[in-house]
C-alpha atoms as a PDB file:
ATOM      1  CA  MET A   1     -43.613 -13.504 -73.692  1.00  0.00           C
ATOM      2  CA  ARG A   2     -41.464 -15.090 -70.999  1.00  0.00           C
ATOM      3  CA  LYS A   3     -38.650 -15.688 -73.470  1.00  0.00           C
ATOM      4  CA  TRP A   4     -38.847 -12.048 -74.602  1.00  0.00           C
ATOM      5  CA  LEU A   5     -38.656 -10.804 -71.025  1.00  0.00           C
ATOM      6  CA  MET A   6     -35.691 -13.050 -70.251  1.00  0.00           C
ATOM      7  CA  LEU A   7     -33.928 -11.837 -73.417  1.00  0.00           C
ATOM      8  CA  SER A   8     -34.641  -8.223 -72.540  1.00  0.00           C
ATOM      9  CA  ALA A   9     -33.217  -8.734 -69.022  1.00  0.00           C
ATOM     10  CA  LEU A  10     -30.101 -10.353 -70.484  1.00  0.00           C
ATOM     11  CA  VAL A  11     -29.558  -7.392 -72.888  1.00  0.00           C
ATOM     12  CA  VAL A  12     -29.934  -4.947 -69.997  1.00  0.00           C
ATOM     13  CA  VAL A  13     -27.374  -6.849 -67.904  1.00  0.00           C
ATOM     14  CA  LEU A  14     -24.929  -7.122 -70.763  1.00  0.00           C
ATOM     15  CA  CYS A  15     -25.342  -3.494 -71.753  1.00  0.00           C
ATOM     16  CA  GLY A  16     -24.957  -2.387 -68.129  1.00  0.00           C
ATOM     17  CA  THR A  17     -21.823  -4.472 -67.763  1.00  0.00           C
ATOM     18  CA  GLY A  18     -20.455  -3.167 -71.041  1.00  0.00           C
ATOM     19  CA  ALA A  19     -21.136   0.448 -70.015  1.00  0.00           C
ATOM     20  CA  TYR A  20     -19.368  -0.077 -66.736  1.00  0.00           C
ATOM     21  CA  VAL A  21     -16.337  -1.599 -68.455  1.00  0.00           C
ATOM     22  CA  PHE A  22     -16.396   1.231 -70.964  1.00  0.00           C
ATOM     23  CA  LEU A  23     -16.543   3.843 -68.223  1.00  0.00           C
ATOM     24  CA  ARG A  24     -13.731   2.088 -66.360  1.00  0.00           C
ATOM     25  CA  GLY A  25     -11.649   2.479 -69.518  1.00  0.00           C
ATOM     26  CA  PHE A  26     -11.368   6.236 -69.120  1.00  0.00           C
ATOM     27  CA  GLU A  27      -8.245   7.842 -67.593  1.00  0.00           C
ATOM     28  CA  TRP A  28      -9.703   8.537 -64.168  1.00  0.00           C
ATOM     29  CA  LYS A  29      -9.186   5.786 -61.637  1.00  0.00           C
ATOM     30  CA  GLY A  30     -12.734   4.908 -60.705  1.00  0.00           C
ATOM     31  CA  SER A  31     -16.260   5.207 -62.064  1.00  0.00           C
ATOM     32  CA  PRO A  32     -19.207   7.555 -61.715  1.00  0.00           C
ATOM     33  CA  TRP A  33     -20.064   5.582 -58.602  1.00  0.00           C
ATOM     34  CA  ALA A  34     -16.603   5.708 -57.057  1.00  0.00           C
ATOM     35  CA  ASN A  35     -16.259   9.413 -56.220  1.00  0.00           C
ATOM     36  CA  GLY A  36     -14.458   9.938 -52.959  1.00  0.00           C
ATOM     37  CA  THR A  37     -11.970   7.112 -53.600  1.00  0.00           C
ATOM     38  CA  ALA A  38      -8.367   8.162 -52.745  1.00  0.00           C
ATOM     39  CA  ILE A  39      -6.300   7.915 -55.901  1.00  0.00           C
ATOM     40  CA  GLU A  40      -3.102   9.849 -54.979  1.00  0.00           C
ATOM     41  CA  SER A  41      -1.590  11.752 -52.059  1.00  0.00           C
ATOM     42  CA  LEU A  42       0.954  14.439 -51.260  1.00  0.00           C
ATOM     43  CA  ASP A  43       2.583  14.872 -47.852  1.00  0.00           C
ATOM     44  CA  GLY A  44      -0.059  12.597 -46.371  1.00  0.00           C
ATOM     45  CA  VAL A  45      -2.962  14.549 -47.828  1.00  0.00           C
ATOM     46  CA  ALA A  46      -5.230  12.442 -50.085  1.00  0.00           C
ATOM     47  CA  VAL A  47      -6.440  13.288 -53.591  1.00  0.00           C
ATOM     48  CA  TYR A  48      -9.931  11.990 -54.254  1.00  0.00           C
ATOM     49  CA  ASP A  49     -11.673  10.851 -57.405  1.00  0.00           C
ATOM     50  CA  ASN A  50     -14.375  13.240 -58.599  1.00  0.00           C
ATOM     51  CA  GLY A  51     -15.694  11.053 -61.400  1.00  0.00           C
ATOM     52  CA  PRO A  52     -15.822  11.793 -65.123  1.00  0.00           C
ATOM     53  CA  ILE A  53     -17.574  15.213 -65.163  1.00  0.00           C
ATOM     54  CA  PHE A  54     -15.317  17.925 -63.749  1.00  0.00           C
ATOM     55  CA  THR A  55     -18.193  20.354 -63.066  1.00  0.00           C
ATOM     56  CA  VAL A  56     -19.977  17.906 -60.714  1.00  0.00           C
ATOM     57  CA  SER A  57     -19.583  18.281 -56.930  1.00  0.00           C
ATOM     58  CA  HIS A  58     -20.558  15.948 -54.119  1.00  0.00           C
ATOM     59  CA  GLY A  59     -21.415  18.231 -51.210  1.00  0.00           C
ATOM     60  CA  ARG A  60     -19.482  20.602 -48.989  1.00  0.00           C
ATOM     61  CA  HIS A  61     -16.407  19.547 -46.992  1.00  0.00           C
ATOM     62  CA  TYR A  62     -15.350  21.024 -43.668  1.00  0.00           C
ATOM     63  CA  ALA A  63     -12.538  20.462 -41.223  1.00  0.00           C
ATOM     64  CA  GLY A  64     -13.411  19.443 -37.704  1.00  0.00           C
ATOM     65  CA  ASP A  65     -13.002  23.060 -36.543  1.00  0.00           C
ATOM     66  CA  GLY A  66     -15.422  24.314 -39.177  1.00  0.00           C
ATOM     67  CA  THR A  67     -12.833  25.493 -41.750  1.00  0.00           C
ATOM     68  CA  TYR A  68     -14.457  25.222 -45.170  1.00  0.00           C
ATOM     69  CA  PHE A  69     -12.402  23.228 -47.700  1.00  0.00           C
ATOM     70  CA  GLY A  70     -14.793  23.517 -50.615  1.00  0.00           C
ATOM     71  CA  GLN A  71     -17.020  21.280 -52.729  1.00  0.00           C
ATOM     72  CA  LYS A  72     -16.109  17.589 -52.835  1.00  0.00           C
ATOM     73  CA  TRP A  73     -13.982  16.693 -54.898  1.00  0.00           C
ATOM     74  CA  GLN A  74     -13.178  19.789 -56.822  1.00  0.00           C
ATOM     75  CA  CYS A  75      -9.594  20.968 -57.407  1.00  0.00           C
ATOM     76  CA  VAL A  76     -10.059  23.842 -54.961  1.00  0.00           C
ATOM     77  CA  GLU A  77     -11.107  21.496 -52.156  1.00  0.00           C
ATOM     78  CA  PHE A  78      -7.772  19.580 -52.301  1.00  0.00           C
ATOM     79  CA  ILE A  79      -5.775  22.823 -52.410  1.00  0.00           C
ATOM     80  CA  LYS A  80      -7.362  24.282 -49.282  1.00  0.00           C
ATOM     81  CA  ARG A  81      -7.288  20.951 -47.487  1.00  0.00           C
ATOM     82  CA  TYR A  82      -3.611  20.502 -48.381  1.00  0.00           C
ATOM     83  CA  LEU A  83      -2.678  23.997 -47.180  1.00  0.00           C
ATOM     84  CA  TYR A  84      -4.603  23.441 -43.955  1.00  0.00           C
ATOM     85  CA  GLN A  85      -3.260  19.942 -43.169  1.00  0.00           C
ATOM     86  CA  ALA A  86       0.305  20.145 -44.565  1.00  0.00           C
ATOM     87  CA  ARG A  87       1.117  23.849 -44.208  1.00  0.00           C
ATOM     88  CA  GLY A  88      -1.109  25.009 -41.391  1.00  0.00           C
ATOM     89  CA  HIS A  89      -2.460  27.801 -43.597  1.00  0.00           C
ATOM     90  CA  VAL A  90      -6.050  29.040 -43.910  1.00  0.00           C
ATOM     91  CA  MET A  91      -6.821  31.658 -46.542  1.00  0.00           C
ATOM     92  CA  PRO A  92      -8.413  34.833 -45.173  1.00  0.00           C
ATOM     93  CA  ASP A  93     -10.940  34.394 -47.992  1.00  0.00           C
ATOM     94  CA  GLY A  94     -11.195  30.791 -49.199  1.00  0.00           C
ATOM     95  CA  MET A  95     -14.196  31.352 -51.494  1.00  0.00           C
ATOM     96  CA  GLY A  96     -14.218  31.559 -55.251  1.00  0.00           C
ATOM     97  CA  HIS A  97     -13.349  29.442 -58.258  1.00  0.00           C
ATOM     98  CA  ALA A  98      -9.796  28.346 -58.917  1.00  0.00           C
ATOM     99  CA  ILE A  99      -9.024  31.206 -61.295  1.00  0.00           C
ATOM    100  CA  SER A 100      -9.902  33.800 -58.585  1.00  0.00           C
ATOM    101  CA  PHE A 101      -7.011  32.543 -56.428  1.00  0.00           C
ATOM    102  CA  PHE A 102      -4.671  34.581 -58.659  1.00  0.00           C
ATOM    103  CA  ASP A 103      -5.183  38.319 -58.264  1.00  0.00           C
ATOM    104  CA  GLU A 104      -4.255  40.274 -61.371  1.00  0.00           C
ATOM    105  CA  GLU A 105      -3.897  43.474 -59.317  1.00  0.00           C
ATOM    106  CA  THR A 106      -1.284  42.011 -56.934  1.00  0.00           C
ATOM    107  CA  PRO A 107       2.250  42.890 -58.048  1.00  0.00           C
ATOM    108  CA  HIS A 108       4.802  40.138 -58.597  1.00  0.00           C
ATOM    109  CA  GLY A 109       6.278  39.000 -55.269  1.00  0.00           C
ATOM    110  CA  ALA A 110       3.699  40.897 -53.183  1.00  0.00           C
ATOM    111  CA  LEU A 111       1.173  39.532 -50.701  1.00  0.00           C
ATOM    112  CA  ASN A 112      -2.150  38.469 -52.100  1.00  0.00           C
ATOM    113  CA  LEU A 113      -4.214  39.756 -49.183  1.00  0.00           C
ATOM    114  CA  ARG A 114      -7.329  37.748 -50.061  1.00  0.00           C
ATOM    115  CA  ARG A 115      -5.383  34.457 -49.953  1.00  0.00           C
ATOM    116  CA  GLY A 116      -2.715  35.395 -47.420  1.00  0.00           C
ATOM    117  CA  MET A 117       0.016  34.134 -49.758  1.00  0.00           C
ATOM    118  CA  LEU A 118       2.901  35.627 -51.714  1.00  0.00           C
ATOM    119  CA  GLN A 119       2.051  35.777 -55.417  1.00  0.00           C
ATOM    120  CA  PHE A 120       4.483  35.271 -58.318  1.00  0.00           C
ATOM    121  CA  ARG A 121       3.741  35.731 -62.016  1.00  0.00           C
ATOM    122  CA  GLN A 122       4.406  33.351 -64.855  1.00  0.00           C
ATOM    123  CA  GLY A 123       7.461  34.546 -66.826  1.00  0.00           C
ATOM    124  CA  GLU A 124       9.157  36.394 -63.943  1.00  0.00           C
ATOM    125  CA  THR A 125      12.395  35.438 -62.210  1.00  0.00           C
ATOM    126  CA  GLU A 126      11.050  33.600 -59.190  1.00  0.00           C
ATOM    127  CA  PRO A 127      10.478  29.880 -59.934  1.00  0.00           C
ATOM    128  CA  PRO A 128       7.890  27.614 -58.329  1.00  0.00           C
ATOM    129  CA  ARG A 129       8.832  25.793 -55.140  1.00  0.00           C
ATOM    130  CA  LYS A 130       7.521  22.646 -53.567  1.00  0.00           C
ATOM    131  CA  GLY A 131       4.308  23.439 -51.741  1.00  0.00           C
ATOM    132  CA  ASP A 132       3.344  26.363 -54.033  1.00  0.00           C
ATOM    133  CA  LEU A 133      -0.183  26.659 -55.273  1.00  0.00           C
ATOM    134  CA  ILE A 134      -0.085  26.985 -59.050  1.00  0.00           C
ATOM    135  CA  VAL A 135      -3.026  28.639 -60.870  1.00  0.00           C
ATOM    136  CA  PHE A 136      -4.195  28.063 -64.453  1.00  0.00           C
ATOM    137  CA  ALA A 137      -6.825  29.863 -66.502  1.00  0.00           C
ATOM    138  CA  GLY A 138      -9.304  28.189 -68.815  1.00  0.00           C
ATOM    139  CA  ALA A 139     -11.299  25.075 -67.820  1.00  0.00           C
ATOM    140  CA  GLY A 140     -14.618  26.599 -68.831  1.00  0.00           C
ATOM    141  CA  GLY A 141     -13.813  29.889 -67.045  1.00  0.00           C
ATOM    142  CA  TYR A 142     -13.420  28.178 -63.662  1.00  0.00           C
ATOM    143  CA  GLY A 143      -9.648  27.839 -63.881  1.00  0.00           C
ATOM    144  CA  HIS A 144      -7.662  25.103 -62.223  1.00  0.00           C
ATOM    145  CA  VAL A 145      -5.253  24.862 -59.279  1.00  0.00           C
ATOM    146  CA  ALA A 146      -2.662  22.316 -58.264  1.00  0.00           C
ATOM    147  CA  ILE A 147       0.125  21.918 -55.698  1.00  0.00           C
ATOM    148  CA  VAL A 148       3.807  21.764 -56.675  1.00  0.00           C
ATOM    149  CA  ALA A 149       5.101  18.433 -55.449  1.00  0.00           C
ATOM    150  CA  ALA A 150       8.680  18.671 -56.775  1.00  0.00           C
ATOM    151  CA  THR A 151      10.881  20.741 -59.044  1.00  0.00           C
ATOM    152  CA  GLY A 152      13.971  20.210 -61.137  1.00  0.00           C
ATOM    153  CA  ASP A 153      16.128  22.017 -63.632  1.00  0.00           C
ATOM    154  CA  ASP A 154      13.565  21.567 -66.408  1.00  0.00           C
ATOM    155  CA  PHE A 155      10.398  20.336 -64.801  1.00  0.00           C
ATOM    156  CA  VAL A 156       7.684  21.029 -62.241  1.00  0.00           C
ATOM    157  CA  GLU A 157       5.708  18.064 -60.850  1.00  0.00           C
ATOM    158  CA  ILE A 158       2.186  18.869 -59.693  1.00  0.00           C
ATOM    159  CA  VAL A 159      -0.461  17.000 -57.738  1.00  0.00           C
ATOM    160  CA  GLN A 160      -4.071  17.852 -58.491  1.00  0.00           C
ATOM    161  CA  GLN A 161      -7.650  16.868 -57.857  1.00  0.00           C
ATOM    162  CA  ASN A 162     -10.395  16.658 -60.411  1.00  0.00           C
ATOM    163  CA  ALA A 163      -7.889  16.305 -63.296  1.00  0.00           C
ATOM    164  CA  SER A 164      -6.141  13.374 -64.865  1.00  0.00           C
ATOM    165  CA  PRO A 165      -3.515  12.279 -64.150  1.00  0.00           C
ATOM    166  CA  ALA A 166      -3.562  13.262 -60.481  1.00  0.00           C
ATOM    167  CA  ARG A 167       0.252  13.575 -60.476  1.00  0.00           C
ATOM    168  CA  GLN A 168       1.685  15.212 -63.565  1.00  0.00           C
ATOM    169  CA  ARG A 169       5.134  16.394 -64.672  1.00  0.00           C
ATOM    170  CA  LEU A 170       5.203  19.695 -66.609  1.00  0.00           C
ATOM    171  CA  VAL A 171       8.023  21.312 -68.572  1.00  0.00           C
ATOM    172  CA  LEU A 172       9.731  24.270 -66.851  1.00  0.00           C
ATOM    173  CA  SER A 173      11.476  26.572 -69.308  1.00  0.00           C
ATOM    174  CA  ARG A 174      13.048  30.051 -69.355  1.00  0.00           C
ATOM    175  CA  SER A 175      11.795  33.063 -71.292  1.00  0.00           C
ATOM    176  CA  LYS A 176      14.167  34.635 -73.805  1.00  0.00           C
ATOM    177  CA  ASN A 177      13.736  38.212 -72.706  1.00  0.00           C
ATOM    178  CA  ILE A 178      14.395  38.325 -68.917  1.00  0.00           C
ATOM    179  CA  GLY A 179      15.080  34.672 -68.280  1.00  0.00           C
ATOM    180  CA  GLY A 180      11.877  34.281 -66.372  1.00  0.00           C
ATOM    181  CA  PHE A 181      10.378  30.896 -65.532  1.00  0.00           C
ATOM    182  CA  LEU A 182       7.596  29.405 -67.633  1.00  0.00           C
ATOM    183  CA  VAL A 183       5.432  26.431 -66.576  1.00  0.00           C
ATOM    184  CA  GLU A 184       4.076  24.765 -69.726  1.00  0.00           C
ATOM    185  CA  HIS A 185       0.553  23.361 -69.461  1.00  0.00           C
ATOM    186  CA  ALA A 186      -2.422  22.695 -71.742  1.00  0.00           C
ATOM    187  CA  LEU A 187      -4.144  25.498 -69.810  1.00  0.00           C
ATOM    188  CA  PRO A 188      -2.679  29.015 -69.605  1.00  0.00           C
ATOM    189  CA  THR A 189      -0.462  29.364 -66.476  1.00  0.00           C
ATOM    190  CA  LEU A 190      -1.099  32.510 -64.500  1.00  0.00           C
ATOM    191  CA  GLY A 191       1.452  32.086 -61.718  1.00  0.00           C
ATOM    192  CA  TRP A 192       1.965  30.571 -58.282  1.00  0.00           C
ATOM    193  CA  LEU A 193       1.192  31.423 -54.680  1.00  0.00           C
ATOM    194  CA  ARG A 194       3.315  30.616 -51.645  1.00  0.00           C
ATOM    195  CA  VAL A 195       2.679  30.426 -47.946  1.00  0.00           C
ATOM    196  CA  PRO A 196       5.010  33.091 -46.494  1.00  0.00           C
ATOM    197  CA  THR A 197       6.496  30.670 -43.951  1.00  0.00           C
ATOM    198  CA  LEU A 198       7.467  28.067 -46.607  1.00  0.00           C
ATOM    199  CA  LEU A 199      10.934  26.783 -45.708  1.00  0.00           C
ATOM    200  CA  ALA A 200      13.724  27.541 -48.219  1.00  0.00           C
ATOM    201  CA  ASP A 201      15.119  23.990 -47.898  1.00  0.00           C
ATOM    202  CA  GLU A 202      11.950  22.620 -49.512  1.00  0.00           C
ATOM    203  CA  SER A 203      12.721  24.421 -52.752  1.00  0.00           C
ATOM    204  CA  GLY A 204      14.225  23.031 -55.918  1.00  0.00           C
ATOM    205  CA  PRO A 205      17.492  24.155 -57.521  1.00  0.00           C
ATOM    206  CA  GLN A 206      15.839  27.047 -59.396  1.00  0.00           C
ATOM    207  CA  ALA A 207      14.066  28.241 -56.263  1.00  0.00           C
ATOM    208  CA  LYS A 208      17.363  28.479 -54.397  1.00  0.00           C
ATOM    209  CA  ALA A 209      18.890  30.365 -57.253  1.00  0.00           C
ATOM    210  CA  GLY A 210      15.916  32.696 -57.369  1.00  0.00           C
ATOM    211  CA  ALA A 211      16.121  33.279 -53.624  1.00  0.00           C
ATOM    212  CA  ALA A 212      19.791  34.075 -53.905  1.00  0.00           C
ATOM    213  CA  GLN A 213      19.002  36.713 -56.558  1.00  0.00           C
ATOM    214  CA  GLY A 214      16.657  38.367 -54.071  1.00  0.00           C
END
């Protein structure tokens, strides 16, 4: 009996260790027990590990003044925290899933009143700029949001929370009809939102060209 118990305990330990190693082998940098670990940053704002299941949250997160960032460590939480800490921007309405940040009724280039940001549509002539919030559909109906970290002639680099990798480079192309800008992603790209006070000198080469076109 004692030998059986010892053997059983050894199997549990080995299986537990094997499961941990297996889980560590996934793309995210951490484990189901490591949520809240900083894995990336943008402009001094940290991106935190949310673990392997993207629908799981870890409690509400607020700024010291009571501003609500969202559920830890969902993609939306990083977006609102980044806008607050790096851009000094608080959305008039910060509630809703990621997909709701893009308002289908707001015309291209107009102010999205609910978010207090200028909104630009995928496929139009205004390219993404550094600091823009980019919105994707899909992801189980929740959508996904990321921040543009850098742009180039043929790419957009994003930083995101609750997605792997946390920093990702996407292809930026031009549409054949009006020469509009297209951000290529596994999820459908809806468009991007911009804090109205975003400085022009933080934009990439396409953004400057787009601004020159008016």
